[in-house]
PDB file of N, CA and C in Angstrom:
ATOM      1  N   MET A   1     149.687  70.270 136.745  1.00  0.00           N
ATOM      2  CA  MET A   1     151.000  70.682 136.348  1.00  0.00           C
ATOM      3  C   MET A   1     151.966  70.718 137.509  1.00  0.00           C
ATOM      4  N   ASP A   2     151.668  70.008 138.568  1.00  0.00           N
ATOM      5  CA  ASP A   2     152.553  70.049 139.701  1.00  0.00           C
ATOM      6  C   ASP A   2     153.762  69.147 139.539  1.00  0.00           C
ATOM      7  N   LYS A   3     153.983  68.570 138.365  1.00  0.00           N
ATOM      8  CA  LYS A   3     155.174  67.762 138.132  1.00  0.00           C
ATOM      9  C   LYS A   3     156.352  68.636 137.726  1.00  0.00           C
ATOM     10  N   GLY A   4     156.170  69.934 137.703  1.00  0.00           N
ATOM     11  CA  GLY A   4     157.267  70.828 137.382  1.00  0.00           C
ATOM     12  C   GLY A   4     157.458  71.069 135.895  1.00  0.00           C
ATOM     13  N   TYR A   5     156.522  70.633 135.070  1.00  0.00           N
ATOM     14  CA  TYR A   5     156.643  70.839 133.634  1.00  0.00           C
ATOM     15  C   TYR A   5     156.265  72.266 133.294  1.00  0.00           C
ATOM     16  N   ALA A   6     156.918  72.795 132.277  1.00  0.00           N
ATOM     17  CA  ALA A   6     156.519  74.105 131.756  1.00  0.00           C
ATOM     18  C   ALA A   6     155.140  73.961 131.128  1.00  0.00           C
ATOM     19  N   ARG A   7     154.458  75.059 130.933  1.00  0.00           N
ATOM     20  CA  ARG A   7     153.147  75.001 130.280  1.00  0.00           C
ATOM     21  C   ARG A   7     153.338  74.421 128.890  1.00  0.00           C
ATOM     22  N   PRO A   8     152.848  73.198 128.648  1.00  0.00           N
ATOM     23  CA  PRO A   8     153.132  72.537 127.374  1.00  0.00           C
ATOM     24  C   PRO A   8     152.585  73.266 126.158  1.00  0.00           C
ATOM     25  N   THR A   9     151.435  73.892 126.264  1.00  0.00           N
ATOM     26  CA  THR A   9     150.854  74.573 125.110  1.00  0.00           C
ATOM     27  C   THR A   9     151.710  75.769 124.705  1.00  0.00           C
ATOM     28  N   ALA A  10     152.128  76.555 125.673  1.00  0.00           N
ATOM     29  CA  ALA A  10     152.965  77.723 125.381  1.00  0.00           C
ATOM     30  C   ALA A  10     154.320  77.293 124.830  1.00  0.00           C
ATOM     31  N   THR A  11     154.880  76.247 125.405  1.00  0.00           N
ATOM     32  CA  THR A  11     156.172  75.749 124.930  1.00  0.00           C
ATOM     33  C   THR A  11     156.048  75.216 123.513  1.00  0.00           C
ATOM     34  N   ALA A  12     154.991  74.443 123.241  1.00  0.00           N
ATOM     35  CA  ALA A  12     154.774  73.900 121.895  1.00  0.00           C
ATOM     36  C   ALA A  12     154.610  75.031 120.883  1.00  0.00           C
ATOM     37  N   ARG A  13     153.871  76.059 121.239  1.00  0.00           N
ATOM     38  CA  ARG A  13     153.675  77.197 120.336  1.00  0.00           C
ATOM     39  C   ARG A  13     155.011  77.873 120.039  1.00  0.00           C
ATOM     40  N   ALA A  14     155.830  78.058 121.063  1.00  0.00           N
ATOM     41  CA  ALA A  14     157.142  78.680 120.863  1.00  0.00           C
ATOM     42  C   ALA A  14     158.014  77.822 119.951  1.00  0.00           C
ATOM     43  N   LEU A  15     157.971  76.508 120.123  1.00  0.00           N
ATOM     44  CA  LEU A  15     158.752  75.618 119.269  1.00  0.00           C
ATOM     45  C   LEU A  15     158.254  75.650 117.819  1.00  0.00           C
ATOM     46  N   ARG A  16     156.948  75.728 117.632  1.00  0.00           N
ATOM     47  CA  ARG A  16     156.407  75.838 116.267  1.00  0.00           C
ATOM     48  C   ARG A  16     156.885  77.117 115.597  1.00  0.00           C
ATOM     49  N   ASN A  17     156.918  78.186 116.360  1.00  0.00           N
ATOM     50  CA  ASN A  17     157.338  79.475 115.806  1.00  0.00           C
ATOM     51  C   ASN A  17     158.845  79.558 115.565  1.00  0.00           C
ATOM     52  N   ASN A  18     159.598  78.660 116.174  1.00  0.00           N
ATOM     53  CA  ASN A  18     161.061  78.674 116.047  1.00  0.00           C
ATOM     54  C   ASN A  18     161.573  77.327 115.547  1.00  0.00           C
ATOM     55  N   ALA A  19     160.887  76.738 114.595  1.00  0.00           N
ATOM     56  CA  ALA A  19     161.264  75.431 114.069  1.00  0.00           C
ATOM     57  C   ALA A  19     162.626  75.482 113.395  1.00  0.00           C
ATOM     58  N   THR A  20     163.313  74.349 113.435  1.00  0.00           N
ATOM     59  CA  THR A  20     164.582  74.260 112.715  1.00  0.00           C
ATOM     60  C   THR A  20     164.287  74.194 111.220  1.00  0.00           C
ATOM     61  N   GLU A  21     165.304  74.453 110.415  1.00  0.00           N
ATOM     62  CA  GLU A  21     165.130  74.378 108.967  1.00  0.00           C
ATOM     63  C   GLU A  21     164.712  72.968 108.551  1.00  0.00           C
ATOM     64  N   ALA A  22     165.287  71.950 109.171  1.00  0.00           N
ATOM     65  CA  ALA A  22     164.923  70.561 108.851  1.00  0.00           C
ATOM     66  C   ALA A  22     163.450  70.304 109.163  1.00  0.00           C
ATOM     67  N   GLU A  23     162.965  70.794 110.300  1.00  0.00           N
ATOM     68  CA  GLU A  23     161.558  70.622 110.655  1.00  0.00           C
ATOM     69  C   GLU A  23     160.651  71.341 109.659  1.00  0.00           C
ATOM     70  N   ARG A  24     161.044  72.544 109.242  1.00  0.00           N
ATOM     71  CA  ARG A  24     160.229  73.289 108.273  1.00  0.00           C
ATOM     72  C   ARG A  24     160.153  72.566 106.930  1.00  0.00           C
ATOM     73  N   ILE A  25     161.284  72.046 106.465  1.00  0.00           N
ATOM     74  CA  ILE A  25     161.302  71.324 105.188  1.00  0.00           C
ATOM     75  C   ILE A  25     160.436  70.075 105.269  1.00  0.00           C
ATOM     76  N   LEU A  26     160.592  69.313 106.338  1.00  0.00           N
ATOM     77  CA  LEU A  26     159.788  68.095 106.476  1.00  0.00           C
ATOM     78  C   LEU A  26     158.306  68.431 106.629  1.00  0.00           C
ATOM     79  N   TRP A  27     158.005  69.487 107.371  1.00  0.00           N
ATOM     80  CA  TRP A  27     156.605  69.887 107.545  1.00  0.00           C
ATOM     81  C   TRP A  27     155.961  70.230 106.198  1.00  0.00           C
ATOM     82  N   ARG A  28     156.679  70.966 105.367  1.00  0.00           N
ATOM     83  CA  ARG A  28     156.134  71.293 104.038  1.00  0.00           C
ATOM     84  C   ARG A  28     155.883  70.032 103.219  1.00  0.00           C
ATOM     85  N   ALA A  29     156.687  69.009 103.425  1.00  0.00           N
ATOM     86  CA  ALA A  29     156.556  67.760 102.664  1.00  0.00           C
ATOM     87  C   ALA A  29     155.418  66.875 103.159  1.00  0.00           C
ATOM     88  N   ILE A  30     155.030  67.005 104.434  1.00  0.00           N
ATOM     89  CA  ILE A  30     154.001  66.090 104.954  1.00  0.00           C
ATOM     90  C   ILE A  30     152.715  66.770 105.393  1.00  0.00           C
ATOM     91  N   SER A  31     152.708  68.094 105.480  1.00  0.00           N
ATOM     92  CA  SER A  31     151.493  68.787 105.925  1.00  0.00           C
ATOM     93  C   SER A  31     150.386  68.641 104.887  1.00  0.00           C
ATOM     94  N   ALA A  32     149.206  69.018 105.271  1.00  0.00           N
ATOM     95  CA  ALA A  32     148.033  68.995 104.378  1.00  0.00           C
ATOM     96  C   ALA A  32     147.771  67.596 103.818  1.00  0.00           C
ATOM     97  N   ARG A  33     148.004  66.606 104.652  1.00  0.00           N
ATOM     98  CA  ARG A  33     147.699  65.198 104.311  1.00  0.00           C
ATOM     99  C   ARG A  33     148.405  64.727 103.043  1.00  0.00           C
ATOM    100  N   LYS A  34     149.628  65.186 102.821  1.00  0.00           N
ATOM    101  CA  LYS A  34     150.374  64.827 101.615  1.00  0.00           C
ATOM    102  C   LYS A  34     150.907  63.398 101.651  1.00  0.00           C
ATOM    103  N   ILE A  35     151.004  62.823 102.822  1.00  0.00           N
ATOM    104  CA  ILE A  35     151.510  61.452 102.946  1.00  0.00           C
ATOM    105  C   ILE A  35     150.376  60.562 103.434  1.00  0.00           C
ATOM    106  N   SER A  36     150.013  59.630 102.598  1.00  0.00           N
ATOM    107  CA  SER A  36     149.012  58.613 102.939  1.00  0.00           C
ATOM    108  C   SER A  36     147.716  59.214 103.476  1.00  0.00           C
ATOM    109  N   ARG A  37     147.441  60.467 103.131  1.00  0.00           N
ATOM    110  CA  ARG A  37     146.226  61.163 103.557  1.00  0.00           C
ATOM    111  C   ARG A  37     146.114  61.254 105.084  1.00  0.00           C
ATOM    112  N   ILE A  38     147.268  61.256 105.748  1.00  0.00           N
ATOM    113  CA  ILE A  38     147.330  61.309 107.206  1.00  0.00           C
ATOM    114  C   ILE A  38     147.579  62.744 107.647  1.00  0.00           C
ATOM    115  N   ARG A  39     146.860  63.175 108.671  1.00  0.00           N
ATOM    116  CA  ARG A  39     147.039  64.521 109.219  1.00  0.00           C
ATOM    117  C   ARG A  39     148.110  64.489 110.297  1.00  0.00           C
ATOM    118  N   PHE A  40     149.093  65.348 110.156  1.00  0.00           N
ATOM    119  CA  PHE A  40     150.147  65.513 111.147  1.00  0.00           C
ATOM    120  C   PHE A  40     149.994  66.868 111.819  1.00  0.00           C
ATOM    121  N   ASN A  41     150.430  66.939 113.068  1.00  0.00           N
ATOM    122  CA  ASN A  41     150.503  68.195 113.809  1.00  0.00           C
ATOM    123  C   ASN A  41     151.944  68.399 114.243  1.00  0.00           C
ATOM    124  N   ARG A  42     152.315  69.659 114.392  1.00  0.00           N
ATOM    125  CA  ARG A  42     153.673  69.987 114.827  1.00  0.00           C
ATOM    126  C   ARG A  42     153.702  70.272 116.316  1.00  0.00           C
ATOM    127  N   GLN A  43     154.818  69.892 116.947  1.00  0.00           N
ATOM    128  CA  GLN A  43     155.114  70.216 118.333  1.00  0.00           C
ATOM    129  C   GLN A  43     153.931  69.904 119.255  1.00  0.00           C
ATOM    130  N   VAL A  44     153.681  68.626 119.425  1.00  0.00           N
ATOM    131  CA  VAL A  44     152.535  68.148 120.195  1.00  0.00           C
ATOM    132  C   VAL A  44     153.009  67.616 121.550  1.00  0.00           C
ATOM    133  N   PRO A  45     152.436  68.128 122.649  1.00  0.00           N
ATOM    134  CA  PRO A  45     152.809  67.589 123.961  1.00  0.00           C
ATOM    135  C   PRO A  45     152.271  66.162 124.149  1.00  0.00           C
ATOM    136  N   ILE A  46     153.155  65.272 124.576  1.00  0.00           N
ATOM    137  CA  ILE A  46     152.774  63.923 124.988  1.00  0.00           C
ATOM    138  C   ILE A  46     153.481  63.694 126.310  1.00  0.00           C
ATOM    139  N   GLY A  47     152.704  63.686 127.381  1.00  0.00           N
ATOM    140  CA  GLY A  47     153.308  63.622 128.710  1.00  0.00           C
ATOM    141  C   GLY A  47     154.203  64.830 128.906  1.00  0.00           C
ATOM    142  N   PRO A  48     155.396  64.621 129.452  1.00  0.00           N
ATOM    143  CA  PRO A  48     156.294  65.755 129.704  1.00  0.00           C
ATOM    144  C   PRO A  48     157.080  66.190 128.470  1.00  0.00           C
ATOM    145  N   PHE A  49     156.877  65.516 127.347  1.00  0.00           N
ATOM    146  CA  PHE A  49     157.662  65.775 126.149  1.00  0.00           C
ATOM    147  C   PHE A  49     156.842  66.487 125.084  1.00  0.00           C
ATOM    148  N   ILE A  50     157.532  67.247 124.257  1.00  0.00           N
ATOM    149  CA  ILE A  50     156.892  67.867 123.102  1.00  0.00           C
ATOM    150  C   ILE A  50     157.511  67.213 121.880  1.00  0.00           C
ATOM    151  N   CYS A  51     156.668  66.545 121.110  1.00  0.00           N
ATOM    152  CA  CYS A  51     157.118  65.764 119.961  1.00  0.00           C
ATOM    153  C   CYS A  51     157.067  66.619 118.700  1.00  0.00           C
ATOM    154  N   ASP A  52     158.047  66.433 117.823  1.00  0.00           N
ATOM    155  CA  ASP A  52     158.162  67.274 116.631  1.00  0.00           C
ATOM    156  C   ASP A  52     156.942  67.174 115.732  1.00  0.00           C
ATOM    157  N   LEU A  53     156.597  65.959 115.305  1.00  0.00           N
ATOM    158  CA  LEU A  53     155.464  65.744 114.396  1.00  0.00           C
ATOM    159  C   LEU A  53     154.668  64.540 114.895  1.00  0.00           C
ATOM    160  N   VAL A  54     153.348  64.691 114.933  1.00  0.00           N
ATOM    161  CA  VAL A  54     152.505  63.618 115.456  1.00  0.00           C
ATOM    162  C   VAL A  54     151.297  63.423 114.555  1.00  0.00           C
ATOM    163  N   ALA A  55     151.052  62.148 114.222  1.00  0.00           N
ATOM    164  CA  ALA A  55     149.823  61.761 113.533  1.00  0.00           C
ATOM    165  C   ALA A  55     149.000  61.000 114.565  1.00  0.00           C
ATOM    166  N   ARG A  56     148.065  61.698 115.185  1.00  0.00           N
ATOM    167  CA  ARG A  56     147.267  61.084 116.260  1.00  0.00           C
ATOM    168  C   ARG A  56     146.416  59.925 115.755  1.00  0.00           C
ATOM    169  N   SER A  57     145.901  60.044 114.535  1.00  0.00           N
ATOM    170  CA  SER A  57     144.971  59.023 114.024  1.00  0.00           C
ATOM    171  C   SER A  57     145.620  57.649 113.915  1.00  0.00           C
ATOM    172  N   ILE A  58     146.938  57.615 113.716  1.00  0.00           N
ATOM    173  CA  ILE A  58     147.613  56.318 113.599  1.00  0.00           C
ATOM    174  C   ILE A  58     148.662  56.138 114.703  1.00  0.00           C
ATOM    175  N   CYS A  59     148.682  57.058 115.666  1.00  0.00           N
ATOM    176  CA  CYS A  59     149.601  56.991 116.810  1.00  0.00           C
ATOM    177  C   CYS A  59     151.059  56.907 116.372  1.00  0.00           C
ATOM    178  N   LEU A  60     151.466  57.857 115.530  1.00  0.00           N
ATOM    179  CA  LEU A  60     152.836  57.903 115.027  1.00  0.00           C
ATOM    180  C   LEU A  60     153.479  59.229 115.416  1.00  0.00           C
ATOM    181  N   VAL A  61     154.682  59.133 115.970  1.00  0.00           N
ATOM    182  CA  VAL A  61     155.474  60.308 116.327  1.00  0.00           C
ATOM    183  C   VAL A  61     156.728  60.291 115.463  1.00  0.00           C
ATOM    184  N   ILE A  62     157.042  61.444 114.878  1.00  0.00           N
ATOM    185  CA  ILE A  62     158.267  61.600 114.103  1.00  0.00           C
ATOM    186  C   ILE A  62     159.124  62.639 114.821  1.00  0.00           C
ATOM    187  N   GLU A  63     160.321  62.227 115.184  1.00  0.00           N
ATOM    188  CA  GLU A  63     161.273  63.114 115.827  1.00  0.00           C
ATOM    189  C   GLU A  63     162.378  63.429 114.823  1.00  0.00           C
ATOM    190  N   VAL A  64     162.694  64.707 114.673  1.00  0.00           N
ATOM    191  CA  VAL A  64     163.747  65.147 113.771  1.00  0.00           C
ATOM    192  C   VAL A  64     164.915  65.584 114.648  1.00  0.00           C
ATOM    193  N   ASP A  65     165.994  64.794 114.616  1.00  0.00           N
ATOM    194  CA  ASP A  65     167.098  64.990 115.545  1.00  0.00           C
ATOM    195  C   ASP A  65     168.331  65.572 114.871  1.00  0.00           C
ATOM    196  N   GLY A  66     168.983  66.480 115.573  1.00  0.00           N
ATOM    197  CA  GLY A  66     170.261  67.017 115.131  1.00  0.00           C
ATOM    198  C   GLY A  66     171.381  66.386 115.926  1.00  0.00           C
ATOM    199  N   GLY A  67     172.573  66.863 115.725  1.00  0.00           N
ATOM    200  CA  GLY A  67     173.743  66.308 116.383  1.00  0.00           C
ATOM    201  C   GLY A  67     173.772  66.519 117.886  1.00  0.00           C
ATOM    202  N   GLN A  68     172.952  67.428 118.402  1.00  0.00           N
ATOM    203  CA  GLN A  68     172.954  67.730 119.830  1.00  0.00           C
ATOM    204  C   GLN A  68     172.223  66.687 120.657  1.00  0.00           C
ATOM    205  N   HIS A  69     171.545  65.743 120.022  1.00  0.00           N
ATOM    206  CA  HIS A  69     170.739  64.778 120.771  1.00  0.00           C
ATOM    207  C   HIS A  69     171.601  63.730 121.442  1.00  0.00           C
ATOM    208  N   ASN A  70     171.189  63.357 122.637  1.00  0.00           N
ATOM    209  CA  ASN A  70     171.854  62.337 123.439  1.00  0.00           C
ATOM    210  C   ASN A  70     171.091  61.034 123.255  1.00  0.00           C
ATOM    211  N   GLU A  71     171.763  59.999 122.766  1.00  0.00           N
ATOM    212  CA  GLU A  71     171.084  58.738 122.452  1.00  0.00           C
ATOM    213  C   GLU A  71     170.402  58.113 123.663  1.00  0.00           C
ATOM    214  N   GLU A  72     171.024  58.184 124.836  1.00  0.00           N
ATOM    215  CA  GLU A  72     170.427  57.601 126.039  1.00  0.00           C
ATOM    216  C   GLU A  72     169.151  58.349 126.441  1.00  0.00           C
ATOM    217  N   VAL A  73     169.220  59.671 126.404  1.00  0.00           N
ATOM    218  CA  VAL A  73     168.044  60.490 126.738  1.00  0.00           C
ATOM    219  C   VAL A  73     166.949  60.251 125.699  1.00  0.00           C
ATOM    220  N   ASP A  74     167.318  60.205 124.417  1.00  0.00           N
ATOM    221  CA  ASP A  74     166.337  59.948 123.359  1.00  0.00           C
ATOM    222  C   ASP A  74     165.678  58.586 123.542  1.00  0.00           C
ATOM    223  N   ALA A  75     166.449  57.588 123.949  1.00  0.00           N
ATOM    224  CA  ALA A  75     165.895  56.242 124.158  1.00  0.00           C
ATOM    225  C   ALA A  75     164.880  56.256 125.298  1.00  0.00           C
ATOM    226  N   GLN A  76     165.177  56.973 126.379  1.00  0.00           N
ATOM    227  CA  GLN A  76     164.222  57.085 127.490  1.00  0.00           C
ATOM    228  C   GLN A  76     162.957  57.807 127.045  1.00  0.00           C
ATOM    229  N   ARG A  77     163.135  58.867 126.294  1.00  0.00           N
ATOM    230  CA  ARG A  77     162.000  59.639 125.770  1.00  0.00           C
ATOM    231  C   ARG A  77     161.139  58.760 124.875  1.00  0.00           C
ATOM    232  N   THR A  78     161.781  58.021 123.975  1.00  0.00           N
ATOM    233  CA  THR A  78     161.058  57.123 123.068  1.00  0.00           C
ATOM    234  C   THR A  78     160.274  56.084 123.860  1.00  0.00           C
ATOM    235  N   ARG A  79     160.907  55.470 124.856  1.00  0.00           N
ATOM    236  CA  ARG A  79     160.203  54.456 125.670  1.00  0.00           C
ATOM    237  C   ARG A  79     158.954  55.050 126.326  1.00  0.00           C
ATOM    238  N   HIS A  80     159.083  56.267 126.866  1.00  0.00           N
ATOM    239  CA  HIS A  80     157.922  56.893 127.516  1.00  0.00           C
ATOM    240  C   HIS A  80     156.805  57.150 126.513  1.00  0.00           C
ATOM    241  N   ILE A  81     157.145  57.691 125.363  1.00  0.00           N
ATOM    242  CA  ILE A  81     156.124  57.988 124.349  1.00  0.00           C
ATOM    243  C   ILE A  81     155.469  56.697 123.877  1.00  0.00           C
ATOM    244  N   GLU A  82     156.255  55.634 123.734  1.00  0.00           N
ATOM    245  CA  GLU A  82     155.686  54.348 123.329  1.00  0.00           C
ATOM    246  C   GLU A  82     154.742  53.791 124.384  1.00  0.00           C
ATOM    247  N   THR A  83     154.984  54.069 125.673  1.00  0.00           N
ATOM    248  CA  THR A  83     154.052  53.608 126.705  1.00  0.00           C
ATOM    249  C   THR A  83     152.703  54.317 126.590  1.00  0.00           C
ATOM    250  N   GLN A  84     152.689  55.436 125.870  1.00  0.00           N
ATOM    251  CA  GLN A  84     151.432  56.163 125.648  1.00  0.00           C
ATOM    252  C   GLN A  84     150.706  55.661 124.404  1.00  0.00           C
ATOM    253  N   GLY A  85     151.239  54.592 123.780  1.00  0.00           N
ATOM    254  CA  GLY A  85     150.573  53.974 122.640  1.00  0.00           C
ATOM    255  C   GLY A  85     151.051  54.442 121.278  1.00  0.00           C
ATOM    256  N   PHE A  86     152.126  55.209 121.222  1.00  0.00           N
ATOM    257  CA  PHE A  86     152.626  55.745 119.963  1.00  0.00           C
ATOM    258  C   PHE A  86     153.818  54.944 119.452  1.00  0.00           C
ATOM    259  N   ARG A  87     153.967  54.917 118.154  1.00  0.00           N
ATOM    260  CA  ARG A  87     155.189  54.419 117.526  1.00  0.00           C
ATOM    261  C   ARG A  87     156.052  55.637 117.250  1.00  0.00           C
ATOM    262  N   VAL A  88     157.342  55.534 117.505  1.00  0.00           N
ATOM    263  CA  VAL A  88     158.261  56.660 117.324  1.00  0.00           C
ATOM    264  C   VAL A  88     159.273  56.305 116.246  1.00  0.00           C
ATOM    265  N   ILE A  89     159.424  57.204 115.283  1.00  0.00           N
ATOM    266  CA  ILE A  89     160.532  57.068 114.339  1.00  0.00           C
ATOM    267  C   ILE A  89     161.389  58.321 114.455  1.00  0.00           C
ATOM    268  N   ARG A  90     162.682  58.109 114.373  1.00  0.00           N
ATOM    269  CA  ARG A  90     163.642  59.206 114.494  1.00  0.00           C
ATOM    270  C   ARG A  90     164.352  59.398 113.167  1.00  0.00           C
ATOM    271  N   LEU A  91     164.432  60.646 112.761  1.00  0.00           N
ATOM    272  CA  LEU A  91     165.089  61.013 111.511  1.00  0.00           C
ATOM    273  C   LEU A  91     166.176  62.034 111.827  1.00  0.00           C
ATOM    274  N   TRP A  92     167.214  62.047 111.034  1.00  0.00           N
ATOM    275  CA  TRP A  92     168.285  63.011 111.218  1.00  0.00           C
ATOM    276  C   TRP A  92     167.983  64.292 110.447  1.00  0.00           C
ATOM    277  N   ASN A  93     168.360  65.421 111.040  1.00  0.00           N
ATOM    278  CA  ASN A  93     168.228  66.722 110.369  1.00  0.00           C
ATOM    279  C   ASN A  93     168.822  66.678 108.969  1.00  0.00           C
ATOM    280  N   ASN A  94     170.040  66.130 108.849  1.00  0.00           N
ATOM    281  CA  ASN A  94     170.716  66.095 107.552  1.00  0.00           C
ATOM    282  C   ASN A  94     169.888  65.379 106.500  1.00  0.00           C
ATOM    283  N   ASP A  95     169.198  64.309 106.891  1.00  0.00           N
ATOM    284  CA  ASP A  95     168.360  63.595 105.927  1.00  0.00           C
ATOM    285  C   ASP A  95     167.198  64.461 105.471  1.00  0.00           C
ATOM    286  N   ALA A  96     166.562  65.161 106.411  1.00  0.00           N
ATOM    287  CA  ALA A  96     165.448  66.037 106.043  1.00  0.00           C
ATOM    288  C   ALA A  96     165.927  67.192 105.169  1.00  0.00           C
ATOM    289  N   LEU A  97     167.113  67.693 105.453  1.00  0.00           N
ATOM    290  CA  LEU A  97     167.650  68.812 104.691  1.00  0.00           C
ATOM    291  C   LEU A  97     168.119  68.408 103.298  1.00  0.00           C
ATOM    292  N   ASN A  98     168.716  67.231 103.185  1.00  0.00           N
ATOM    293  CA  ASN A  98     169.379  66.839 101.941  1.00  0.00           C
ATOM    294  C   ASN A  98     168.673  65.753 101.144  1.00  0.00           C
ATOM    295  N   ASN A  99     167.680  65.094 101.743  1.00  0.00           N
ATOM    296  CA  ASN A  99     167.015  63.980 101.063  1.00  0.00           C
ATOM    297  C   ASN A  99     165.565  63.869 101.529  1.00  0.00           C
ATOM    298  N   VAL A 100     164.816  64.949 101.421  1.00  0.00           N
ATOM    299  CA  VAL A 100     163.443  64.943 101.928  1.00  0.00           C
ATOM    300  C   VAL A 100     162.589  63.906 101.202  1.00  0.00           C
ATOM    301  N   GLU A 101     162.883  63.645  99.929  1.00  0.00           N
ATOM    302  CA  GLU A 101     162.116  62.621  99.202  1.00  0.00           C
ATOM    303  C   GLU A 101     162.332  61.244  99.828  1.00  0.00           C
ATOM    304  N   GLY A 102     163.577  60.930 100.155  1.00  0.00           N
ATOM    305  CA  GLY A 102     163.874  59.654 100.809  1.00  0.00           C
ATOM    306  C   GLY A 102     163.231  59.557 102.176  1.00  0.00           C
ATOM    307  N   VAL A 103     163.219  60.667 102.909  1.00  0.00           N
ATOM    308  CA  VAL A 103     162.597  60.701 104.228  1.00  0.00           C
ATOM    309  C   VAL A 103     161.089  60.467 104.115  1.00  0.00           C
ATOM    310  N   THR A 104     160.452  61.140 103.161  1.00  0.00           N
ATOM    311  CA  THR A 104     159.005  60.948 103.024  1.00  0.00           C
ATOM    312  C   THR A 104     158.691  59.525 102.562  1.00  0.00           C
ATOM    313  N   GLU A 105     159.547  58.936 101.732  1.00  0.00           N
ATOM    314  CA  GLU A 105     159.348  57.534 101.336  1.00  0.00           C
ATOM    315  C   GLU A 105     159.450  56.615 102.546  1.00  0.00           C
ATOM    316  N   GLU A 106     160.395  56.894 103.448  1.00  0.00           N
ATOM    317  CA  GLU A 106     160.534  56.085 104.664  1.00  0.00           C
ATOM    318  C   GLU A 106     159.299  56.236 105.552  1.00  0.00           C
ATOM    319  N   ILE A 107     158.797  57.453 105.688  1.00  0.00           N
ATOM    320  CA  ILE A 107     157.585  57.669 106.489  1.00  0.00           C
ATOM    321  C   ILE A 107     156.412  56.908 105.868  1.00  0.00           C
ATOM    322  N   GLU A 108     156.269  56.967 104.555  1.00  0.00           N
ATOM    323  CA  GLU A 108     155.195  56.227 103.874  1.00  0.00           C
ATOM    324  C   GLU A 108     155.341  54.722 104.102  1.00  0.00           C
ATOM    325  N   ARG A 109     156.590  54.213 104.063  1.00  0.00           N
ATOM    326  CA  ARG A 109     156.832  52.786 104.299  1.00  0.00           C
ATOM    327  C   ARG A 109     156.422  52.400 105.720  1.00  0.00           C
ATOM    328  N   VAL A 110     156.789  53.225 106.691  1.00  0.00           N
ATOM    329  CA  VAL A 110     156.424  52.957 108.089  1.00  0.00           C
ATOM    330  C   VAL A 110     154.910  52.942 108.235  1.00  0.00           C
ATOM    331  N   ILE A 111     154.248  53.924 107.662  1.00  0.00           N
ATOM    332  CA  ILE A 111     152.786  54.002 107.758  1.00  0.00           C
ATOM    333  C   ILE A 111     152.137  52.782 107.108  1.00  0.00           C
ATOM    334  N   ALA A 112     152.636  52.377 105.948  1.00  0.00           N
ATOM    335  CA  ALA A 112     152.061  51.223 105.244  1.00  0.00           C
ATOM    336  C   ALA A 112     152.204  49.943 106.053  1.00  0.00           C
ATOM    337  N   ASN A 113     153.233  49.863 106.885  1.00  0.00           N
ATOM    338  CA  ASN A 113     153.466  48.648 107.673  1.00  0.00           C
ATOM    339  C   ASN A 113     152.877  48.699 109.069  1.00  0.00           C
ATOM    340  N   MET A 114     152.206  49.790 109.396  1.00  0.00           N
ATOM    341  CA  MET A 114     151.585  49.888 110.721  1.00  0.00           C
ATOM    342  C   MET A 114     150.228  49.198 110.712  1.00  0.00           C
ATOM    343  N   PRO A 115     149.868  48.574 111.826  1.00  0.00           N
ATOM    344  CA  PRO A 115     148.531  47.989 111.899  1.00  0.00           C
ATOM    345  C   PRO A 115     147.477  49.087 111.884  1.00  0.00           C
ATOM    346  N   SER A 116     146.345  48.765 111.353  1.00  0.00           N
ATOM    347  CA  SER A 116     145.238  49.711 111.306  1.00  0.00           C
ATOM    348  C   SER A 116     144.747  49.992 112.721  1.00  0.00           C
ATOM    349  N   PRO A 117     144.528  51.268 113.081  1.00  0.00           N
ATOM    350  CA  PRO A 117     143.977  51.570 114.407  1.00  0.00           C
ATOM    351  C   PRO A 117     142.629  50.895 114.614  1.00  0.00           C
ATOM    352  N   ALA A 118     141.825  50.791 113.569  1.00  0.00           N
ATOM    353  CA  ALA A 118     140.520  50.136 113.686  1.00  0.00           C
ATOM    354  C   ALA A 118     140.707  48.659 114.010  1.00  0.00           C
ATOM    355  N   ALA A 119     141.714  48.032 113.408  1.00  0.00           N
ATOM    356  CA  ALA A 119     141.963  46.609 113.668  1.00  0.00           C
ATOM    357  C   ALA A 119     142.373  46.387 115.112  1.00  0.00           C
ATOM    358  N   SER A 120     143.197  47.275 115.671  1.00  0.00           N
ATOM    359  CA  SER A 120     143.616  47.086 117.056  1.00  0.00           C
ATOM    360  C   SER A 120     142.453  47.306 118.010  1.00  0.00           C
ATOM    361  N   ARG A 121     141.537  48.241 117.697  1.00  0.00           N
ATOM    362  CA  ARG A 121     140.367  48.434 118.558  1.00  0.00           C
ATOM    363  C   ARG A 121     139.473  47.208 118.500  1.00  0.00           C
ATOM    364  N   THR A 122     139.336  46.598 117.323  1.00  0.00           N
ATOM    365  CA  THR A 122     138.509  45.405 117.190  1.00  0.00           C
ATOM    366  C   THR A 122     139.113  44.258 117.997  1.00  0.00           C
ATOM    367  N   ARG A 123     140.439  44.098 117.939  1.00  0.00           N
ATOM    368  CA  ARG A 123     141.084  43.032 118.692  1.00  0.00           C
ATOM    369  C   ARG A 123     140.865  43.219 120.185  1.00  0.00           C
ATOM    370  N   GLU A 124     140.818  44.459 120.633  1.00  0.00           N
ATOM    371  CA  GLU A 124     140.628  44.726 122.047  1.00  0.00           C
ATOM    372  C   GLU A 124     139.154  44.694 122.439  1.00  0.00           C
ATOM    373  N   GLY A 125     138.284  44.462 121.497  1.00  0.00           N
ATOM    374  CA  GLY A 125     136.869  44.370 121.803  1.00  0.00           C
ATOM    375  C   GLY A 125     136.143  45.696 121.780  1.00  0.00           C
ATOM    376  N   ARG A 126     136.798  46.755 121.296  1.00  0.00           N
ATOM    377  CA  ARG A 126     136.152  48.068 121.201  1.00  0.00           C
ATOM    378  C   ARG A 126     135.884  48.383 119.750  1.00  0.00           C
ATOM    379  N   PHE A 127     134.806  49.106 119.513  1.00  0.00           N
ATOM    380  CA  PHE A 127     134.441  49.469 118.131  1.00  0.00           C
ATOM    381  C   PHE A 127     134.298  50.961 118.013  1.00  0.00           C
TER     382      PHE A 127
END
């Protein structure tokens, strides 16, 4: 932890306990394997960042962004997370608040179009 990062576990726990309304609504819609039987976790540290929702089994990160987000900073964050092998999708708070069905349909579409993790391991020669 000598890179100056806060303790990621404590920070993630605090973020889970203080989730935005949009994060809570989306979490209720996707928790308990409700989407494509995929398990998601909330506020997961990946490198120096804490990601809103993560499905480790398929390497998918979902970020729920409000108006306070800076596009340049978000782009740098996304690039870093992608270097760790994850696909990142960004959703707006307003969409989660006002159209959670549409948001979950988009997440299902993204998942359906992702390559199988087993297929990528086979291509790389690992089983």
